[in-house]
Amino acid sequence: MAPVSSKHRTGGLTRDYIYTELKKKIVNLELKPGSRISEKDISEKWNVSRTPVREAFLKLSEEELLDVYPQSGTFVSKIDLEHVEEARFVREQIETGIVRLACAQFPEEHVFQLETNVTMQTLCEEKGNYAKLYELDDEFHRILFDGCHKTRAWKLMQQMNTHFDRLRRLRLASALDWDIIVSQHKDILSLVKSKKTEEAVNVMREHLRLAVVEKDVLKQSNPDFFK
């Protein structure tokens, strides 16, 4: 971890920067579920005082990404499948609604963005770049929200998505048929363009259930990552 640059070294800015960076590392599984993390280590690695680190830890704890045990220390929370299912349920309700809106009317500018995104996904699949594919997967869904003028709904949904996102990341890292993810995105794009609403809704529903359907396989291969 590089030291925090001078532009972040003022009060809340330092806290927010540390919070954002740690959250990113947790969701990306760079900080593995169940691993120990300490205020002292983070403050030393980023060359900051412990106060903003403590505040960042508190915020991450409130979001159930860190577990604090007074006598034992602080640990990255393990993936909670109940949280995963709740997030998937909320996403399914919202995103099937978004697809309905997109099939009714979707700006050509955003259609082009989706086409570009899917082209990049195909390239990442061929190159085996799952990290970039994960980013493109997120971007694909965000573009749908943006094109339907529901950007705030997307941001709100992200707040409860962290455990679900870690399962998605683990799925991609496990190389479980990446082509299914890319293929479903292509199908959603095609169905939105042709305004086939019910078919698009069904594909979106299947897509959002994919990681959860495979949760037992993922848990078996990574038992220490799960509650």
Protein backbone atom coordinates (compact mmCIF):
# COMPACT_ATOMS: atom_id res chain seq x y z
CA MET A 1 0.00 0.00 0.00
CA ALA A 2 1.44 3.35 -1.08
CA PRO A 3 1.51 6.32 1.31
CA VAL A 4 -1.50 8.61 1.12
CA SER A 5 -0.63 11.59 -1.07
CA SER A 6 -0.59 15.10 0.37
CA LYS A 7 -3.87 16.07 -1.31
CA HIS A 8 -5.67 13.49 0.87
CA ARG A 9 -4.03 14.54 4.12
CA THR A 10 -6.80 16.67 5.59
CA GLY A 11 -9.25 15.28 8.11
CA GLY A 12 -12.24 13.68 6.44
CA LEU A 13 -10.49 13.45 3.07
CA THR A 14 -7.91 11.06 4.50
CA ARG A 15 -10.61 9.00 6.19
CA ASP A 16 -12.70 8.83 3.02
CA TYR A 17 -9.70 7.89 0.90
CA ILE A 18 -8.70 5.06 3.26
CA TYR A 19 -12.30 3.87 3.49
CA THR A 20 -12.67 3.80 -0.31
CA GLU A 21 -9.37 2.05 -0.90
CA LEU A 22 -9.93 -0.58 1.79
CA LYS A 23 -13.48 -1.24 0.58
CA LYS A 24 -12.17 -1.71 -2.94
CA LYS A 25 -9.54 -4.19 -1.73
CA ILE A 26 -12.14 -6.11 0.31
CA VAL A 27 -14.64 -6.35 -2.54
CA ASN A 28 -11.89 -7.29 -5.01
CA LEU A 29 -10.72 -10.02 -2.57
CA GLU A 30 -7.26 -8.48 -2.32
CA LEU A 31 -8.02 -8.49 1.41
CA LYS A 32 -9.31 -12.01 1.82
CA PRO A 33 -12.40 -12.87 3.88
CA GLY A 34 -11.35 -13.82 7.41
CA SER A 35 -7.94 -12.13 7.19
CA ARG A 36 -6.73 -9.99 10.07
CA ILE A 37 -6.31 -6.25 9.62
CA SER A 38 -5.05 -3.66 12.09
CA GLU A 39 -5.25 0.11 12.46
CA LYS A 40 -1.54 0.19 13.30
CA ASP A 41 -0.49 -1.67 10.14
CA ILE A 42 -2.68 0.44 7.85
CA SER A 43 -1.57 3.73 9.41
CA GLU A 44 2.07 2.73 9.02
CA LYS A 45 1.72 1.46 5.44
CA TRP A 46 -0.10 4.59 4.34
CA ASN A 47 1.90 6.90 6.60
CA VAL A 48 -1.14 8.51 8.26
CA SER A 49 -2.32 8.91 11.83
CA ARG A 50 -4.53 6.22 13.36
CA THR A 51 -7.56 8.51 13.77
CA PRO A 52 -8.72 8.49 10.11
CA VAL A 53 -7.93 4.77 9.90
CA ARG A 54 -10.08 4.13 12.99
CA GLU A 55 -12.92 6.15 11.45
CA ALA A 56 -12.62 4.25 8.17
CA PHE A 57 -12.65 0.94 10.06
CA LEU A 58 -15.80 2.03 11.90
CA LYS A 59 -17.58 2.82 8.64
CA LEU A 60 -16.54 -0.52 7.12
CA SER A 61 -17.70 -2.28 10.28
CA GLU A 62 -21.10 -0.58 9.99
CA GLU A 63 -21.33 -1.93 6.44
CA GLU A 64 -20.49 -5.42 7.77
CA LEU A 65 -17.25 -5.65 5.85
CA LEU A 66 -15.10 -5.74 8.99
CA ASP A 67 -15.74 -7.75 12.15
CA VAL A 68 -14.33 -6.26 15.36
CA TYR A 69 -13.63 -8.58 18.31
CA PRO A 70 -12.36 -6.60 21.34
CA GLN A 71 -10.14 -9.39 22.69
CA SER A 72 -8.97 -10.75 19.33
CA GLY A 73 -8.68 -7.95 16.78
CA THR A 74 -10.32 -6.82 13.57
CA PHE A 75 -10.94 -9.15 10.64
CA VAL A 76 -12.29 -8.84 7.12
CA SER A 77 -15.80 -10.27 7.34
CA LYS A 78 -16.48 -13.59 5.71
CA ILE A 79 -19.02 -13.77 2.90
CA ASP A 80 -22.49 -14.09 4.40
CA LEU A 81 -24.80 -15.98 2.04
CA GLU A 82 -27.89 -14.51 3.70
CA HIS A 83 -26.61 -11.04 2.78
CA VAL A 84 -25.85 -12.31 -0.71
CA GLU A 85 -29.38 -13.60 -1.20
CA GLU A 86 -30.96 -10.41 0.13
CA ALA A 87 -28.86 -8.27 -2.22
CA ARG A 88 -29.65 -10.57 -5.15
CA PHE A 89 -33.38 -10.34 -4.34
CA VAL A 90 -33.27 -6.54 -4.31
CA ARG A 91 -31.21 -6.42 -7.52
CA GLU A 92 -33.61 -8.79 -9.27
CA GLN A 93 -36.63 -6.67 -8.40
CA ILE A 94 -34.96 -3.44 -9.48
CA GLU A 95 -33.02 -4.61 -12.52
CA THR A 96 -35.89 -6.50 -14.13
CA GLY A 97 -37.78 -3.20 -13.81
CA ILE A 98 -34.85 -1.37 -15.41
CA VAL A 99 -34.84 -3.79 -18.35
CA ARG A 100 -38.56 -3.18 -18.86
CA LEU A 101 -37.88 0.56 -19.03
CA ALA A 102 -34.94 0.01 -21.39
CA CYS A 103 -37.05 -2.08 -23.75
CA ALA A 104 -39.65 0.70 -23.89
CA GLN A 105 -37.15 3.46 -24.62
CA PHE A 106 -33.36 3.50 -24.51
CA PRO A 107 -31.11 6.25 -25.94
CA GLU A 108 -28.99 5.33 -28.94
CA GLU A 109 -25.96 6.80 -27.17
CA HIS A 110 -26.33 4.25 -24.37
CA VAL A 111 -26.96 1.41 -26.83
CA PHE A 112 -23.56 2.24 -28.32
CA GLN A 113 -22.00 2.22 -24.85
CA LEU A 114 -23.44 -1.25 -24.20
CA GLU A 115 -22.19 -2.49 -27.58
CA THR A 116 -18.70 -1.19 -26.82
CA ASN A 117 -18.82 -2.73 -23.36
CA VAL A 118 -19.82 -6.16 -24.68
CA THR A 119 -17.07 -6.05 -27.31
CA MET A 120 -14.55 -5.40 -24.53
CA GLN A 121 -16.03 -8.25 -22.47
CA THR A 122 -15.47 -10.66 -25.37
CA LEU A 123 -11.83 -9.58 -25.60
CA CYS A 124 -11.34 -9.99 -21.82
CA GLU A 125 -12.85 -13.46 -21.98
CA GLU A 126 -10.43 -14.43 -24.77
CA LYS A 127 -7.47 -12.99 -22.85
CA GLY A 128 -8.52 -14.47 -19.49
CA ASN A 129 -8.61 -11.08 -17.82
CA TYR A 130 -11.26 -11.69 -15.15
CA ALA A 131 -10.41 -8.53 -13.17
CA LYS A 132 -11.29 -6.28 -16.12
CA LEU A 133 -14.28 -8.48 -16.95
CA TYR A 134 -15.62 -7.87 -13.45
CA GLU A 135 -15.36 -4.10 -13.99
CA LEU A 136 -17.07 -4.37 -17.38
CA ASP A 137 -19.84 -6.49 -15.86
CA ASP A 138 -20.55 -3.72 -13.34
CA GLU A 139 -20.34 -1.07 -16.03
CA PHE A 140 -22.82 -2.94 -18.26
CA HIS A 141 -25.48 -2.81 -15.55
CA ARG A 142 -24.69 0.81 -14.66
CA ILE A 143 -25.16 1.87 -18.29
CA LEU A 144 -28.64 0.35 -18.25
CA PHE A 145 -29.51 2.44 -15.18
CA ASP A 146 -27.98 5.59 -16.69
CA GLY A 147 -29.88 5.15 -19.93
CA CYS A 148 -33.14 4.86 -17.98
CA HIS A 149 -32.31 7.97 -15.92
CA LYS A 150 -32.08 5.92 -12.71
CA THR A 151 -28.48 6.65 -11.70
CA ARG A 152 -29.41 7.39 -8.08
CA ALA A 153 -31.15 4.01 -7.85
CA TRP A 154 -27.91 2.36 -9.01
CA LYS A 155 -25.88 4.16 -6.34
CA LEU A 156 -28.41 3.26 -3.65
CA MET A 157 -28.32 -0.41 -4.67
CA GLN A 158 -24.53 -0.50 -4.36
CA GLN A 159 -24.74 0.14 -0.62
CA MET A 160 -26.07 -3.34 0.11
CA ASN A 161 -24.24 -5.15 -2.66
CA THR A 162 -20.85 -5.80 -1.09
CA HIS A 163 -21.28 -9.45 -0.05
CA PHE A 164 -22.97 -10.24 -3.38
CA ASP A 165 -20.15 -8.47 -5.23
CA ARG A 166 -17.51 -10.54 -3.44
CA LEU A 167 -19.31 -13.72 -4.49
CA ARG A 168 -19.41 -12.44 -8.07
CA ARG A 169 -15.71 -11.65 -7.92
CA LEU A 170 -14.94 -15.10 -6.52
CA ARG A 171 -16.99 -16.69 -9.30
CA LEU A 172 -15.02 -14.88 -11.98
CA ALA A 173 -11.71 -15.72 -10.30
CA SER A 174 -12.76 -19.38 -10.21
CA ALA A 175 -13.19 -19.37 -14.02
CA LEU A 176 -16.63 -20.98 -13.91
CA ASP A 177 -17.74 -20.58 -17.54
CA TRP A 178 -17.05 -16.90 -18.13
CA ASP A 179 -18.71 -17.28 -21.54
CA ILE A 180 -22.11 -17.62 -19.84
CA ILE A 181 -21.78 -14.14 -18.31
CA VAL A 182 -20.70 -12.56 -21.60
CA SER A 183 -23.35 -14.46 -23.55
CA GLN A 184 -26.12 -13.30 -21.22
CA HIS A 185 -24.99 -9.69 -21.55
CA LYS A 186 -25.07 -10.04 -25.34
CA ASP A 187 -28.58 -11.50 -25.13
CA ILE A 188 -29.81 -8.67 -22.87
CA LEU A 189 -28.38 -6.08 -25.27
CA SER A 190 -29.98 -7.75 -28.30
CA LEU A 191 -33.36 -8.07 -26.57
CA VAL A 192 -33.32 -4.44 -25.40
CA LYS A 193 -32.53 -3.29 -28.94
CA SER A 194 -35.38 -5.40 -30.36
CA LYS A 195 -37.71 -4.38 -27.49
CA LYS A 196 -38.49 -7.97 -26.49
CA THR A 197 -39.43 -7.11 -22.93
CA GLU A 198 -40.39 -10.42 -21.33
CA GLU A 199 -37.46 -12.28 -22.86
CA ALA A 200 -35.06 -9.57 -21.65
CA VAL A 201 -36.55 -9.74 -18.15
CA ASN A 202 -36.12 -13.54 -18.05
CA VAL A 203 -32.48 -13.37 -19.16
CA MET A 204 -31.73 -10.66 -16.59
CA ARG A 205 -33.32 -12.78 -13.87
CA GLU A 206 -31.23 -15.82 -14.86
CA HIS A 207 -28.12 -13.66 -15.03
CA LEU A 208 -28.54 -12.31 -11.49
CA ARG A 209 -29.15 -15.80 -10.11
CA LEU A 210 -26.03 -17.27 -11.72
CA ALA A 211 -23.53 -16.66 -8.92
CA VAL A 212 -26.02 -17.73 -6.26
CA VAL A 213 -26.83 -20.95 -8.11
CA GLU A 214 -23.12 -21.81 -7.99
CA LYS A 215 -22.61 -20.75 -4.36
CA ASP A 216 -22.22 -24.35 -3.13
CA VAL A 217 -19.39 -25.00 -5.62
CA LEU A 218 -17.69 -21.76 -4.61
CA LYS A 219 -18.10 -22.48 -0.91
CA GLN A 220 -16.70 -25.97 -1.31
CA SER A 221 -13.60 -24.71 -3.11
CA ASN A 222 -13.11 -21.73 -0.73
CA PRO A 223 -14.57 -22.86 2.62
CA ASP A 224 -12.58 -20.33 4.70
CA PHE A 225 -14.14 -17.41 2.82
CA PHE A 226 -17.69 -18.09 4.02
CA LYS A 227 -19.60 -17.80 7.27
